[in-house]
Amino acid sequence: MSQPGAGSLRYEVSTVEIKTKNENGKKIIIIMSDVLYVPQLRENLLSTMTLMKKGYKIVQQSDMVVVMEERRGRGK
């Protein structure tokens, strides 16, 4: 797909696997769907608003950003 007005910029909507560690240091894989993939970008971009809409909590701590799954209580 090409976005109108974006020249030769090409993108696709995909599902990706993010390899990271949890708070205990255990390696985990997070699977995210409906991700906009742009192969021409040198860096990966992550929309915090999209993560929040998907139920994640974003916390900025000094030099890092922590992404957590929202824990929903019973009966809510």
N, C-alpha and C. Protein backbone atom coordinates (compact mmCIF):
# COMPACT_ATOMS: atom_id res chain seq x y z
N MET A 1 0.83 -1.18 0.00
CA MET A 1 0.00 0.00 0.00
C MET A 1 0.88 1.24 0.00
N SER A 2 0.39 2.30 -0.59
CA SER A 2 1.06 3.59 -0.54
C SER A 2 0.09 4.61 0.01
N GLN A 3 0.59 5.48 0.83
CA GLN A 3 -0.23 6.54 1.38
C GLN A 3 -0.23 7.71 0.41
N PRO A 4 -1.38 8.27 0.07
CA PRO A 4 -1.42 9.40 -0.85
C PRO A 4 -0.56 10.55 -0.34
N GLY A 5 0.24 11.13 -1.23
CA GLY A 5 1.07 12.26 -0.88
C GLY A 5 2.37 11.90 -0.18
N ALA A 6 2.61 10.63 0.02
CA ALA A 6 3.81 10.22 0.75
C ALA A 6 4.92 9.75 -0.19
N GLY A 7 4.82 10.06 -1.48
CA GLY A 7 5.85 9.64 -2.42
C GLY A 7 5.93 8.14 -2.53
N SER A 8 7.13 7.60 -2.37
CA SER A 8 7.32 6.16 -2.51
C SER A 8 7.23 5.42 -1.18
N LEU A 9 6.76 6.09 -0.13
CA LEU A 9 6.63 5.46 1.18
C LEU A 9 5.60 4.33 1.11
N ARG A 10 6.03 3.13 1.50
CA ARG A 10 5.14 1.98 1.45
C ARG A 10 4.95 1.46 2.88
N TYR A 11 3.77 0.92 3.14
CA TYR A 11 3.50 0.39 4.46
C TYR A 11 2.51 -0.77 4.36
N GLU A 12 2.40 -1.50 5.44
CA GLU A 12 1.41 -2.57 5.53
C GLU A 12 0.97 -2.71 6.98
N VAL A 13 -0.22 -3.21 7.18
CA VAL A 13 -0.72 -3.50 8.52
C VAL A 13 -0.40 -4.97 8.79
N SER A 14 0.22 -5.23 9.93
CA SER A 14 0.73 -6.56 10.19
C SER A 14 0.59 -6.91 11.67
N THR A 15 1.02 -8.11 12.01
CA THR A 15 1.13 -8.56 13.39
C THR A 15 2.62 -8.75 13.67
N VAL A 16 3.08 -8.25 14.82
CA VAL A 16 4.51 -8.34 15.14
C VAL A 16 4.71 -9.01 16.50
N GLU A 17 5.91 -9.55 16.68
CA GLU A 17 6.32 -10.11 17.97
C GLU A 17 7.39 -9.19 18.55
N ILE A 18 7.18 -8.76 19.79
CA ILE A 18 8.16 -7.92 20.48
C ILE A 18 8.81 -8.78 21.55
N LYS A 19 10.11 -8.95 21.45
CA LYS A 19 10.84 -9.76 22.44
C LYS A 19 11.41 -8.81 23.49
N THR A 20 11.08 -9.09 24.75
CA THR A 20 11.50 -8.22 25.84
C THR A 20 11.62 -9.04 27.12
N LYS A 21 11.76 -8.39 28.26
CA LYS A 21 11.83 -9.07 29.55
C LYS A 21 10.75 -8.49 30.46
N ASN A 22 10.22 -9.34 31.34
CA ASN A 22 9.25 -8.85 32.31
C ASN A 22 9.98 -8.28 33.52
N GLU A 23 9.22 -7.85 34.53
CA GLU A 23 9.83 -7.21 35.70
C GLU A 23 10.75 -8.13 36.49
N ASN A 24 10.64 -9.44 36.29
CA ASN A 24 11.51 -10.41 36.97
C ASN A 24 12.72 -10.80 36.12
N GLY A 25 12.85 -10.20 34.93
CA GLY A 25 13.98 -10.51 34.06
C GLY A 25 13.75 -11.69 33.15
N LYS A 26 12.57 -12.30 33.20
CA LYS A 26 12.26 -13.44 32.33
C LYS A 26 11.95 -12.95 30.93
N LYS A 27 12.52 -13.61 29.92
CA LYS A 27 12.27 -13.25 28.53
C LYS A 27 10.83 -13.60 28.16
N ILE A 28 10.15 -12.63 27.53
CA ILE A 28 8.77 -12.85 27.11
C ILE A 28 8.59 -12.33 25.68
N ILE A 29 7.53 -12.77 25.04
CA ILE A 29 7.18 -12.30 23.71
C ILE A 29 5.78 -11.70 23.77
N ILE A 30 5.66 -10.46 23.32
CA ILE A 30 4.37 -9.79 23.24
C ILE A 30 3.95 -9.76 21.78
N ILE A 31 2.76 -10.23 21.49
CA ILE A 31 2.26 -10.23 20.12
C ILE A 31 1.26 -9.09 19.98
N MET A 32 1.52 -8.21 19.02
CA MET A 32 0.64 -7.07 18.78
C MET A 32 0.09 -7.15 17.37
N SER A 33 -1.22 -6.97 17.25
CA SER A 33 -1.85 -7.00 15.94
C SER A 33 -2.20 -5.59 15.49
N ASP A 34 -2.54 -5.47 14.22
CA ASP A 34 -2.90 -4.17 13.62
C ASP A 34 -1.79 -3.14 13.77
N VAL A 35 -0.55 -3.56 13.54
CA VAL A 35 0.61 -2.68 13.64
C VAL A 35 0.93 -2.16 12.25
N LEU A 36 1.19 -0.87 12.15
CA LEU A 36 1.58 -0.27 10.89
C LEU A 36 3.07 -0.48 10.69
N TYR A 37 3.46 -1.22 9.67
CA TYR A 37 4.87 -1.55 9.39
C TYR A 37 5.34 -0.75 8.18
N VAL A 38 6.42 0.03 8.37
CA VAL A 38 6.99 0.84 7.30
C VAL A 38 8.45 0.42 7.14
N PRO A 39 8.78 -0.42 6.14
CA PRO A 39 10.13 -0.95 6.00
C PRO A 39 11.21 0.11 5.79
N GLN A 40 10.85 1.28 5.24
CA GLN A 40 11.84 2.31 4.95
C GLN A 40 12.32 3.05 6.21
N LEU A 41 11.62 2.94 7.31
CA LEU A 41 12.03 3.65 8.52
C LEU A 41 13.24 2.97 9.16
N ARG A 42 14.19 3.78 9.61
CA ARG A 42 15.38 3.24 10.26
C ARG A 42 15.10 2.84 11.70
N GLU A 43 14.10 3.46 12.31
CA GLU A 43 13.75 3.20 13.70
C GLU A 43 12.31 2.71 13.76
N ASN A 44 11.99 1.97 14.80
CA ASN A 44 10.61 1.54 15.02
C ASN A 44 9.89 2.61 15.82
N LEU A 45 8.65 2.84 15.49
CA LEU A 45 7.82 3.80 16.22
C LEU A 45 6.73 3.04 16.95
N LEU A 46 6.39 3.52 18.13
CA LEU A 46 5.36 2.87 18.93
C LEU A 46 4.42 3.95 19.43
N SER A 47 3.14 3.83 19.13
CA SER A 47 2.15 4.81 19.55
C SER A 47 1.66 4.47 20.95
N THR A 48 1.97 5.34 21.91
CA THR A 48 1.51 5.09 23.27
C THR A 48 -0.01 5.17 23.35
N MET A 49 -0.62 6.05 22.58
CA MET A 49 -2.09 6.16 22.59
C MET A 49 -2.73 4.86 22.10
N THR A 50 -2.16 4.26 21.06
CA THR A 50 -2.69 2.98 20.56
C THR A 50 -2.52 1.89 21.61
N LEU A 51 -1.38 1.86 22.28
CA LEU A 51 -1.17 0.86 23.34
C LEU A 51 -2.19 1.04 24.45
N MET A 52 -2.44 2.29 24.84
CA MET A 52 -3.42 2.55 25.90
C MET A 52 -4.82 2.12 25.47
N LYS A 53 -5.17 2.34 24.21
CA LYS A 53 -6.49 1.92 23.71
C LYS A 53 -6.61 0.40 23.71
N LYS A 54 -5.47 -0.31 23.61
CA LYS A 54 -5.48 -1.77 23.61
C LYS A 54 -5.37 -2.34 25.01
N GLY A 55 -5.39 -1.47 26.04
CA GLY A 55 -5.42 -1.95 27.42
C GLY A 55 -4.08 -1.95 28.14
N TYR A 56 -3.07 -1.29 27.61
CA TYR A 56 -1.78 -1.22 28.27
C TYR A 56 -1.67 0.08 29.05
N LYS A 57 -0.88 0.08 30.11
CA LYS A 57 -0.61 1.26 30.91
C LYS A 57 0.81 1.72 30.60
N ILE A 58 1.00 3.02 30.40
CA ILE A 58 2.31 3.58 30.06
C ILE A 58 2.79 4.42 31.24
N VAL A 59 4.01 4.14 31.71
CA VAL A 59 4.60 4.89 32.81
C VAL A 59 6.01 5.30 32.40
N GLN A 60 6.30 6.61 32.51
CA GLN A 60 7.64 7.09 32.19
C GLN A 60 8.43 7.20 33.48
N GLN A 61 9.62 6.57 33.49
CA GLN A 61 10.49 6.57 34.67
C GLN A 61 11.87 7.04 34.24
N SER A 62 12.28 8.20 34.65
CA SER A 62 13.57 8.82 34.33
C SER A 62 13.93 8.63 32.86
N ASP A 63 14.80 7.69 32.53
CA ASP A 63 15.28 7.53 31.16
C ASP A 63 14.63 6.36 30.41
N MET A 64 13.48 5.88 30.89
CA MET A 64 12.83 4.77 30.20
C MET A 64 11.31 4.91 30.28
N VAL A 65 10.65 4.18 29.41
CA VAL A 65 9.19 4.10 29.42
C VAL A 65 8.82 2.65 29.69
N VAL A 66 7.94 2.43 30.66
CA VAL A 66 7.51 1.09 31.03
C VAL A 66 6.10 0.88 30.49
N VAL A 67 5.91 -0.24 29.79
CA VAL A 67 4.60 -0.61 29.25
C VAL A 67 4.11 -1.81 30.05
N MET A 68 2.93 -1.65 30.67
CA MET A 68 2.38 -2.72 31.50
C MET A 68 0.98 -3.08 31.03
N GLU A 69 0.63 -4.34 31.23
CA GLU A 69 -0.74 -4.75 30.97
C GLU A 69 -1.59 -4.21 32.11
N GLU A 70 -2.74 -3.63 31.77
CA GLU A 70 -3.67 -3.17 32.80
C GLU A 70 -4.22 -4.40 33.50
N ARG A 71 -4.23 -4.37 34.79
CA ARG A 71 -4.82 -5.48 35.55
C ARG A 71 -6.24 -5.08 35.90
N ARG A 72 -7.17 -5.86 35.44
CA ARG A 72 -8.58 -5.56 35.70
C ARG A 72 -9.07 -6.40 36.87
N GLY A 73 -9.68 -5.74 37.82
CA GLY A 73 -10.20 -6.44 38.99
C GLY A 73 -11.45 -7.22 38.66
N ARG A 74 -11.78 -8.18 39.49
CA ARG A 74 -13.00 -8.99 39.27
C ARG A 74 -14.22 -8.12 39.50
N GLY A 75 -15.22 -8.38 38.71
CA GLY A 75 -16.48 -7.67 38.87
C GLY A 75 -16.51 -6.29 38.25
N LYS A 76 -15.48 -5.90 37.55
CA LYS A 76 -15.45 -4.58 36.91
C LYS A 76 -15.78 -4.69 35.45
